[in-house]
Amino acid sequence: MNERKKRNWIRLIILIVIPLAVGMLSSFVTGDSMTMYKDYNQPPFSPPSLLFPIMWTILYILMGISAYLVTGPEVPARQKSAALTIFAVQLVVNFFWSPLFFKMGLVLISFFWIVMLWILVLIMILVFRRISKAAAWLQLPYIIWLTIAAYLNLGIFLLN
């Protein structure tokens, strides 16, 4: 394997590990508070609890792949910087939703938090799209999942 391919693989792995680590750390900070989710009255069409860690793992991997696609050596520094900035900001906001909702029980605040995250992900998609349409499309499942999560979050607030 030549040096360039090796660096690309390393960059891809790092960019996948970063969002996975953020998700794992958020889950760790939240601790066993997530078990209280099943105690809430659920809105219609609530998915089973088992689906959440599976979906988030897939979404974090897709985030990393998208970040890889927008940070290649051929991408101008200014575009790369904008893409990585919005990527990092949305990851930080993403990190805090679980502790807000599960650990602190701030259900209404976490709803507005997830709306803010949804807006940031939309901005990220638009920024990524200027660099790589594939990177933008890979974030479509993320924004769909956030829409579902926002619905569940608001539903739990209204029903409890």
N, C-alpha and C. Protein backbone atom coordinates (compact mmCIF):
# COMPACT_ATOMS: atom_id res chain seq x y z
N MET A 1 0.85 -1.18 0.00
CA MET A 1 0.00 0.00 0.00
C MET A 1 0.90 1.24 0.00
N ASN A 2 0.62 2.15 -0.93
CA ASN A 2 1.46 3.34 -0.96
C ASN A 2 1.10 4.28 0.19
N GLU A 3 1.97 5.25 0.41
CA GLU A 3 1.85 6.16 1.55
C GLU A 3 0.54 6.97 1.52
N ARG A 4 0.14 7.41 0.34
CA ARG A 4 -1.09 8.21 0.22
C ARG A 4 -2.32 7.39 0.62
N LYS A 5 -2.40 6.16 0.12
CA LYS A 5 -3.53 5.30 0.47
C LYS A 5 -3.55 5.01 1.96
N LYS A 6 -2.38 4.80 2.51
CA LYS A 6 -2.28 4.53 3.94
C LYS A 6 -2.79 5.72 4.76
N ARG A 7 -2.39 6.94 4.37
CA ARG A 7 -2.86 8.14 5.06
C ARG A 7 -4.36 8.31 4.93
N ASN A 8 -4.90 7.99 3.75
CA ASN A 8 -6.35 8.08 3.54
C ASN A 8 -7.10 7.11 4.46
N TRP A 9 -6.59 5.89 4.58
CA TRP A 9 -7.23 4.91 5.46
C TRP A 9 -7.17 5.37 6.91
N ILE A 10 -6.04 5.90 7.31
CA ILE A 10 -5.90 6.39 8.69
C ILE A 10 -6.87 7.54 8.94
N ARG A 11 -6.96 8.47 7.98
CA ARG A 11 -7.89 9.60 8.12
C ARG A 11 -9.32 9.11 8.22
N LEU A 12 -9.69 8.14 7.38
CA LEU A 12 -11.05 7.58 7.41
C LEU A 12 -11.34 6.95 8.77
N ILE A 13 -10.42 6.15 9.26
CA ILE A 13 -10.63 5.48 10.55
C ILE A 13 -10.76 6.51 11.67
N ILE A 14 -9.89 7.50 11.69
CA ILE A 14 -9.95 8.54 12.73
C ILE A 14 -11.29 9.27 12.67
N LEU A 15 -11.72 9.62 11.46
CA LEU A 15 -12.96 10.38 11.31
C LEU A 15 -14.21 9.55 11.62
N ILE A 16 -14.10 8.25 11.57
CA ILE A 16 -15.20 7.38 12.01
C ILE A 16 -15.15 7.20 13.53
N VAL A 17 -13.95 7.06 14.07
CA VAL A 17 -13.80 6.84 15.51
C VAL A 17 -14.25 8.07 16.31
N ILE A 18 -14.01 9.26 15.80
CA ILE A 18 -14.36 10.48 16.55
C ILE A 18 -15.85 10.52 16.89
N PRO A 19 -16.77 10.45 15.92
CA PRO A 19 -18.19 10.48 16.31
C PRO A 19 -18.60 9.27 17.15
N LEU A 20 -18.04 8.10 16.87
CA LEU A 20 -18.35 6.93 17.70
C LEU A 20 -17.91 7.17 19.15
N ALA A 21 -16.75 7.78 19.34
CA ALA A 21 -16.26 8.08 20.68
C ALA A 21 -17.14 9.11 21.38
N VAL A 22 -17.58 10.11 20.63
CA VAL A 22 -18.49 11.12 21.20
C VAL A 22 -19.78 10.45 21.67
N GLY A 23 -20.33 9.58 20.84
CA GLY A 23 -21.55 8.87 21.22
C GLY A 23 -21.35 7.98 22.43
N MET A 24 -20.23 7.27 22.46
CA MET A 24 -19.95 6.39 23.61
C MET A 24 -19.74 7.20 24.88
N LEU A 25 -19.04 8.32 24.76
CA LEU A 25 -18.81 9.17 25.93
C LEU A 25 -20.13 9.77 26.44
N SER A 26 -20.98 10.20 25.53
CA SER A 26 -22.29 10.73 25.92
C SER A 26 -23.10 9.66 26.63
N SER A 27 -23.06 8.46 26.11
CA SER A 27 -23.76 7.34 26.73
C SER A 27 -23.19 7.04 28.12
N PHE A 28 -21.87 7.10 28.23
CA PHE A 28 -21.21 6.86 29.52
C PHE A 28 -21.61 7.92 30.54
N VAL A 29 -21.61 9.19 30.12
CA VAL A 29 -22.00 10.28 31.00
C VAL A 29 -23.45 10.12 31.44
N THR A 30 -24.28 9.69 30.52
CA THR A 30 -25.70 9.50 30.82
C THR A 30 -25.91 8.32 31.77
N GLY A 31 -25.06 7.32 31.64
CA GLY A 31 -25.11 6.17 32.54
C GLY A 31 -26.39 5.37 32.39
N ASP A 32 -26.84 4.80 33.49
CA ASP A 32 -28.03 3.96 33.45
C ASP A 32 -29.33 4.76 33.45
N SER A 33 -29.23 6.08 33.33
CA SER A 33 -30.43 6.92 33.28
C SER A 33 -31.29 6.62 32.07
N MET A 34 -30.69 6.03 31.02
CA MET A 34 -31.45 5.73 29.81
C MET A 34 -32.54 4.70 30.06
N THR A 35 -32.41 3.92 31.12
CA THR A 35 -33.42 2.90 31.40
C THR A 35 -34.76 3.51 31.74
N MET A 36 -34.78 4.77 32.19
CA MET A 36 -36.04 5.41 32.54
C MET A 36 -36.88 5.75 31.31
N TYR A 37 -36.30 5.68 30.12
CA TYR A 37 -37.03 5.98 28.89
C TYR A 37 -38.28 5.12 28.77
N LYS A 38 -38.17 3.85 29.11
CA LYS A 38 -39.32 2.94 28.99
C LYS A 38 -40.41 3.26 30.01
N ASP A 39 -40.07 4.02 31.06
CA ASP A 39 -41.06 4.39 32.07
C ASP A 39 -41.95 5.54 31.63
N TYR A 40 -41.53 6.27 30.62
CA TYR A 40 -42.34 7.38 30.10
C TYR A 40 -43.52 6.85 29.29
N ASN A 41 -44.62 7.60 29.31
CA ASN A 41 -45.70 7.34 28.35
C ASN A 41 -45.14 7.71 26.98
N GLN A 42 -45.27 6.80 26.03
CA GLN A 42 -44.67 6.98 24.70
C GLN A 42 -45.70 7.47 23.68
N PRO A 43 -45.27 8.33 22.77
CA PRO A 43 -46.17 8.71 21.68
C PRO A 43 -46.35 7.54 20.71
N PRO A 44 -47.38 7.60 19.88
CA PRO A 44 -47.59 6.53 18.90
C PRO A 44 -46.36 6.36 18.00
N PHE A 45 -46.14 5.15 17.55
CA PHE A 45 -45.06 4.79 16.62
C PHE A 45 -43.67 4.89 17.24
N SER A 46 -43.59 4.80 18.57
CA SER A 46 -42.28 4.81 19.22
C SER A 46 -41.54 3.51 18.90
N PRO A 47 -40.30 3.63 18.41
CA PRO A 47 -39.54 2.40 18.11
C PRO A 47 -39.09 1.72 19.39
N PRO A 48 -38.77 0.43 19.31
CA PRO A 48 -38.27 -0.27 20.50
C PRO A 48 -36.92 0.30 20.94
N SER A 49 -36.66 0.26 22.23
CA SER A 49 -35.42 0.82 22.80
C SER A 49 -34.17 0.22 22.17
N LEU A 50 -34.23 -1.04 21.79
CA LEU A 50 -33.08 -1.72 21.19
C LEU A 50 -32.61 -1.04 19.90
N LEU A 51 -33.53 -0.38 19.20
CA LEU A 51 -33.20 0.25 17.92
C LEU A 51 -32.27 1.46 18.09
N PHE A 52 -32.36 2.15 19.21
CA PHE A 52 -31.62 3.40 19.38
C PHE A 52 -30.10 3.22 19.30
N PRO A 53 -29.48 2.32 20.06
CA PRO A 53 -28.02 2.19 19.93
C PRO A 53 -27.58 1.70 18.56
N ILE A 54 -28.40 0.88 17.93
CA ILE A 54 -28.07 0.40 16.58
C ILE A 54 -28.07 1.57 15.60
N MET A 55 -29.14 2.36 15.65
CA MET A 55 -29.24 3.51 14.74
C MET A 55 -28.12 4.51 14.97
N TRP A 56 -27.87 4.83 16.24
CA TRP A 56 -26.83 5.82 16.51
C TRP A 56 -25.45 5.33 16.06
N THR A 57 -25.18 4.06 16.21
CA THR A 57 -23.89 3.53 15.73
C THR A 57 -23.78 3.71 14.22
N ILE A 58 -24.82 3.36 13.50
CA ILE A 58 -24.83 3.54 12.04
C ILE A 58 -24.65 5.01 11.68
N LEU A 59 -25.39 5.88 12.37
CA LEU A 59 -25.32 7.32 12.06
C LEU A 59 -23.94 7.89 12.34
N TYR A 60 -23.32 7.47 13.44
CA TYR A 60 -21.97 7.96 13.75
C TYR A 60 -20.96 7.50 12.70
N ILE A 61 -21.11 6.29 12.22
CA ILE A 61 -20.23 5.79 11.15
C ILE A 61 -20.44 6.61 9.88
N LEU A 62 -21.69 6.88 9.53
CA LEU A 62 -21.99 7.70 8.34
C LEU A 62 -21.44 9.11 8.50
N MET A 63 -21.51 9.67 9.71
CA MET A 63 -20.93 11.00 9.96
C MET A 63 -19.44 10.98 9.65
N GLY A 64 -18.76 9.96 10.13
CA GLY A 64 -17.33 9.85 9.91
C GLY A 64 -16.97 9.72 8.44
N ILE A 65 -17.74 8.91 7.72
CA ILE A 65 -17.50 8.74 6.28
C ILE A 65 -17.72 10.07 5.56
N SER A 66 -18.78 10.78 5.93
CA SER A 66 -19.04 12.09 5.31
C SER A 66 -17.90 13.06 5.59
N ALA A 67 -17.44 13.08 6.84
CA ALA A 67 -16.33 13.98 7.19
C ALA A 67 -15.09 13.63 6.37
N TYR A 68 -14.86 12.35 6.16
CA TYR A 68 -13.74 11.91 5.32
C TYR A 68 -13.88 12.46 3.90
N LEU A 69 -15.08 12.38 3.36
CA LEU A 69 -15.31 12.82 1.98
C LEU A 69 -15.11 14.32 1.78
N VAL A 70 -15.29 15.10 2.86
CA VAL A 70 -15.15 16.55 2.71
C VAL A 70 -13.81 17.07 3.21
N THR A 71 -12.89 16.17 3.54
CA THR A 71 -11.59 16.61 4.06
C THR A 71 -10.41 16.07 3.26
N GLY A 72 -10.67 15.68 2.05
CA GLY A 72 -9.59 15.17 1.20
C GLY A 72 -8.58 16.24 0.87
N PRO A 73 -7.39 15.83 0.44
CA PRO A 73 -6.34 16.80 0.11
C PRO A 73 -6.72 17.72 -1.04
N GLU A 74 -7.67 17.30 -1.88
CA GLU A 74 -8.10 18.13 -3.01
C GLU A 74 -9.09 19.22 -2.61
N VAL A 75 -9.60 19.17 -1.38
CA VAL A 75 -10.59 20.14 -0.91
C VAL A 75 -9.86 21.40 -0.46
N PRO A 76 -10.27 22.57 -0.99
CA PRO A 76 -9.64 23.83 -0.56
C PRO A 76 -9.73 24.01 0.96
N ALA A 77 -8.68 24.58 1.54
CA ALA A 77 -8.57 24.72 2.99
C ALA A 77 -9.78 25.43 3.60
N ARG A 78 -10.27 26.45 2.94
CA ARG A 78 -11.40 27.22 3.48
C ARG A 78 -12.66 26.36 3.57
N GLN A 79 -12.94 25.58 2.52
CA GLN A 79 -14.10 24.70 2.53
C GLN A 79 -13.93 23.59 3.56
N LYS A 80 -12.73 23.05 3.63
CA LYS A 80 -12.44 21.99 4.60
C LYS A 80 -12.65 22.50 6.03
N SER A 81 -12.18 23.72 6.28
CA SER A 81 -12.32 24.33 7.60
C SER A 81 -13.79 24.53 7.95
N ALA A 82 -14.57 25.04 7.00
CA ALA A 82 -16.00 25.25 7.24
C ALA A 82 -16.70 23.92 7.52
N ALA A 83 -16.36 22.90 6.74
CA ALA A 83 -16.99 21.59 6.91
C ALA A 83 -16.64 20.99 8.27
N LEU A 84 -15.37 21.05 8.65
CA LEU A 84 -14.95 20.48 9.93
C LEU A 84 -15.51 21.26 11.12
N THR A 85 -15.67 22.57 10.95
CA THR A 85 -16.22 23.39 12.03
C THR A 85 -17.67 23.01 12.31
N ILE A 86 -18.50 22.96 11.27
CA ILE A 86 -19.91 22.61 11.48
C ILE A 86 -20.04 21.16 11.94
N PHE A 87 -19.18 20.29 11.44
CA PHE A 87 -19.15 18.89 11.88
C PHE A 87 -18.88 18.82 13.39
N ALA A 88 -17.86 19.56 13.84
CA ALA A 88 -17.50 19.55 15.27
C ALA A 88 -18.59 20.17 16.13
N VAL A 89 -19.15 21.28 15.68
CA VAL A 89 -20.19 21.96 16.46
C VAL A 89 -21.41 21.05 16.64
N GLN A 90 -21.86 20.42 15.55
CA GLN A 90 -23.03 19.56 15.68
C GLN A 90 -22.72 18.35 16.56
N LEU A 91 -21.47 17.87 16.53
CA LEU A 91 -21.09 16.74 17.40
C LEU A 91 -21.15 17.13 18.87
N VAL A 92 -20.70 18.34 19.18
CA VAL A 92 -20.75 18.83 20.57
C VAL A 92 -22.21 18.95 21.02
N VAL A 93 -23.05 19.53 20.17
CA VAL A 93 -24.47 19.68 20.51
C VAL A 93 -25.10 18.29 20.64
N ASN A 94 -24.77 17.39 19.74
CA ASN A 94 -25.26 16.01 19.79
C ASN A 94 -24.88 15.36 21.13
N PHE A 95 -23.64 15.56 21.56
CA PHE A 95 -23.15 14.97 22.80
C PHE A 95 -24.04 15.31 23.99
N PHE A 96 -24.50 16.54 24.07
CA PHE A 96 -25.22 17.00 25.26
C PHE A 96 -26.70 16.63 25.30
N TRP A 97 -27.27 16.18 24.18
CA TRP A 97 -28.71 15.88 24.21
C TRP A 97 -29.03 14.76 25.19
N SER A 98 -28.32 13.65 25.14
CA SER A 98 -28.63 12.52 26.03
C SER A 98 -28.54 12.89 27.51
N PRO A 99 -27.47 13.55 27.95
CA PRO A 99 -27.45 13.95 29.37
C PRO A 99 -28.60 14.89 29.73
N LEU A 100 -28.94 15.82 28.82
CA LEU A 100 -30.06 16.72 29.11
C LEU A 100 -31.36 15.95 29.27
N PHE A 101 -31.63 15.05 28.36
CA PHE A 101 -32.89 14.32 28.35
C PHE A 101 -32.92 13.25 29.43
N PHE A 102 -31.93 12.38 29.45
CA PHE A 102 -31.96 11.21 30.33
C PHE A 102 -31.45 11.52 31.74
N LYS A 103 -30.26 12.09 31.84
CA LYS A 103 -29.62 12.28 33.14
C LYS A 103 -30.30 13.39 33.95
N MET A 104 -30.60 14.52 33.27
CA MET A 104 -31.16 15.66 33.98
C MET A 104 -32.69 15.70 33.91
N GLY A 105 -33.27 14.92 33.00
CA GLY A 105 -34.73 14.90 32.87
C GLY A 105 -35.31 16.20 32.34
N LEU A 106 -34.52 16.98 31.63
CA LEU A 106 -34.98 18.26 31.09
C LEU A 106 -35.61 18.02 29.72
N VAL A 107 -36.79 17.45 29.72
CA VAL A 107 -37.42 16.96 28.50
C VAL A 107 -37.75 18.11 27.54
N LEU A 108 -38.32 19.20 28.04
CA LEU A 108 -38.65 20.31 27.14
C LEU A 108 -37.39 21.00 26.62
N ILE A 109 -36.44 21.24 27.50
CA ILE A 109 -35.18 21.86 27.06
C ILE A 109 -34.49 20.96 26.03
N SER A 110 -34.52 19.65 26.27
CA SER A 110 -33.87 18.74 25.31
C SER A 110 -34.60 18.75 23.97
N PHE A 111 -35.91 19.02 23.97
CA PHE A 111 -36.62 19.15 22.69
C PHE A 111 -36.06 20.33 21.90
N PHE A 112 -35.93 21.48 22.54
CA PHE A 112 -35.38 22.65 21.84
C PHE A 112 -33.92 22.41 21.46
N TRP A 113 -33.21 21.65 22.29
CA TRP A 113 -31.82 21.29 21.99
C TRP A 113 -31.75 20.46 20.71
N ILE A 114 -32.66 19.50 20.57
CA ILE A 114 -32.64 18.63 19.38
C ILE A 114 -33.08 19.41 18.14
N VAL A 115 -33.94 20.40 18.32
CA VAL A 115 -34.31 21.26 17.19
C VAL A 115 -33.07 22.05 16.74
N MET A 116 -32.31 22.55 17.71
CA MET A 116 -31.06 23.25 17.38
C MET A 116 -30.11 22.30 16.65
N LEU A 117 -30.01 21.07 17.13
CA LEU A 117 -29.15 20.08 16.48
C LEU A 117 -29.63 19.81 15.06
N TRP A 118 -30.93 19.70 14.86
CA TRP A 118 -31.51 19.47 13.53
C TRP A 118 -31.09 20.59 12.57
N ILE A 119 -31.17 21.83 13.05
CA ILE A 119 -30.79 22.98 12.22
C ILE A 119 -29.29 22.92 11.89
N LEU A 120 -28.47 22.59 12.88
CA LEU A 120 -27.03 22.46 12.63
C LEU A 120 -26.72 21.36 11.63
N VAL A 121 -27.43 20.25 11.71
CA VAL A 121 -27.20 19.16 10.76
C VAL A 121 -27.64 19.58 9.36
N LEU A 122 -28.72 20.32 9.26
CA LEU A 122 -29.14 20.84 7.95
C LEU A 122 -28.05 21.75 7.38
N ILE A 123 -27.51 22.62 8.20
CA ILE A 123 -26.41 23.49 7.75
C ILE A 123 -25.21 22.63 7.34
N MET A 124 -24.91 21.60 8.13
CA MET A 124 -23.80 20.71 7.80
C MET A 124 -24.02 20.05 6.44
N ILE A 125 -25.23 19.59 6.20
CA ILE A 125 -25.56 18.97 4.91
C ILE A 125 -25.32 19.96 3.77
N LEU A 126 -25.75 21.20 3.95
CA LEU A 126 -25.58 22.21 2.90
C LEU A 126 -24.10 22.53 2.68
N VAL A 127 -23.33 22.61 3.76
CA VAL A 127 -21.89 22.87 3.63
C VAL A 127 -21.20 21.67 2.96
N PHE A 128 -21.54 20.47 3.40
CA PHE A 128 -20.96 19.26 2.81
C PHE A 128 -21.31 19.16 1.33
N ARG A 129 -22.53 19.54 0.97
CA ARG A 129 -23.00 19.41 -0.42
C ARG A 129 -22.14 20.21 -1.39
N ARG A 130 -21.61 21.34 -0.93
CA ARG A 130 -20.75 22.16 -1.79
C ARG A 130 -19.44 21.43 -2.13
N ILE A 131 -19.07 20.49 -1.27
CA ILE A 131 -17.82 19.76 -1.46
C ILE A 131 -18.06 18.38 -2.06
N SER A 132 -19.05 17.68 -1.51
CA SER A 132 -19.32 16.31 -1.94
C SER A 132 -20.81 16.00 -1.77
N LYS A 133 -21.48 15.76 -2.89
CA LYS A 133 -22.90 15.40 -2.82
C LYS A 133 -23.08 14.10 -2.04
N ALA A 134 -22.16 13.17 -2.20
CA ALA A 134 -22.25 11.90 -1.47
C ALA A 134 -22.20 12.14 0.04
N ALA A 135 -21.31 13.03 0.48
CA ALA A 135 -21.21 13.34 1.91
C ALA A 135 -22.51 13.92 2.43
N ALA A 136 -23.14 14.77 1.63
CA ALA A 136 -24.42 15.35 2.03
C ALA A 136 -25.51 14.28 2.10
N TRP A 137 -25.59 13.43 1.09
CA TRP A 137 -26.61 12.37 1.07
C TRP A 137 -26.44 11.39 2.22
N LEU A 138 -25.22 11.13 2.62
CA LEU A 138 -24.97 10.21 3.73
C LEU A 138 -25.53 10.74 5.05
N GLN A 139 -25.82 12.03 5.11
CA GLN A 139 -26.39 12.62 6.32
C GLN A 139 -27.92 12.64 6.33
N LEU A 140 -28.52 12.22 5.23
CA LEU A 140 -29.99 12.17 5.17
C LEU A 140 -30.57 11.26 6.25
N PRO A 141 -30.04 10.06 6.48
CA PRO A 141 -30.58 9.23 7.57
C PRO A 141 -30.47 9.92 8.94
N TYR A 142 -29.42 10.69 9.13
CA TYR A 142 -29.21 11.41 10.40
C TYR A 142 -30.33 12.42 10.62
N ILE A 143 -30.62 13.24 9.63
CA ILE A 143 -31.64 14.26 9.82
C ILE A 143 -33.03 13.63 9.92
N ILE A 144 -33.25 12.52 9.24
CA ILE A 144 -34.52 11.80 9.39
C ILE A 144 -34.64 11.26 10.82
N TRP A 145 -33.56 10.65 11.32
CA TRP A 145 -33.58 10.11 12.68
C TRP A 145 -33.77 11.22 13.71
N LEU A 146 -33.14 12.37 13.49
CA LEU A 146 -33.34 13.50 14.40
C LEU A 146 -34.78 13.99 14.38
N THR A 147 -35.41 13.93 13.21
CA THR A 147 -36.83 14.31 13.11
C THR A 147 -37.67 13.36 13.95
N ILE A 148 -37.39 12.07 13.85
CA ILE A 148 -38.11 11.07 14.66
C ILE A 148 -37.83 11.30 16.14
N ALA A 149 -36.57 11.54 16.48
CA ALA A 149 -36.19 11.77 17.88
C ALA A 149 -36.87 13.02 18.44
N ALA A 150 -36.97 14.07 17.62
CA ALA A 150 -37.64 15.29 18.07
C ALA A 150 -39.13 15.02 18.31
N TYR A 151 -39.75 14.25 17.42
CA TYR A 151 -41.15 13.86 17.59
C TYR A 151 -41.33 13.09 18.91
N LEU A 152 -40.45 12.12 19.15
CA LEU A 152 -40.53 11.33 20.38
C LEU A 152 -40.30 12.20 21.61
N ASN A 153 -39.32 13.09 21.52
CA ASN A 153 -39.00 13.99 22.62
C ASN A 153 -40.20 14.87 22.96
N LEU A 154 -40.79 15.48 21.95
CA LEU A 154 -41.96 16.34 22.19
C LEU A 154 -43.14 15.51 22.69
N GLY A 155 -43.34 14.34 22.09
CA GLY A 155 -44.42 13.46 22.53
C GLY A 155 -44.29 13.07 23.99
N ILE A 156 -43.08 12.75 24.41
CA ILE A 156 -42.85 12.39 25.81
C ILE A 156 -43.12 13.58 26.71
N PHE A 157 -42.72 14.77 26.28
CA PHE A 157 -43.01 15.96 27.07
C PHE A 157 -44.51 16.15 27.24
N LEU A 158 -45.25 16.02 26.15
CA LEU A 158 -46.70 16.27 26.19
C LEU A 158 -47.47 15.18 26.94
N LEU A 159 -46.97 13.95 26.92
CA LEU A 159 -47.69 12.83 27.52
C LEU A 159 -47.30 12.55 28.98
N ASN A 160 -46.32 13.25 29.48
CA ASN A 160 -45.85 12.95 30.85
C ASN A 160 -45.87 14.15 31.77
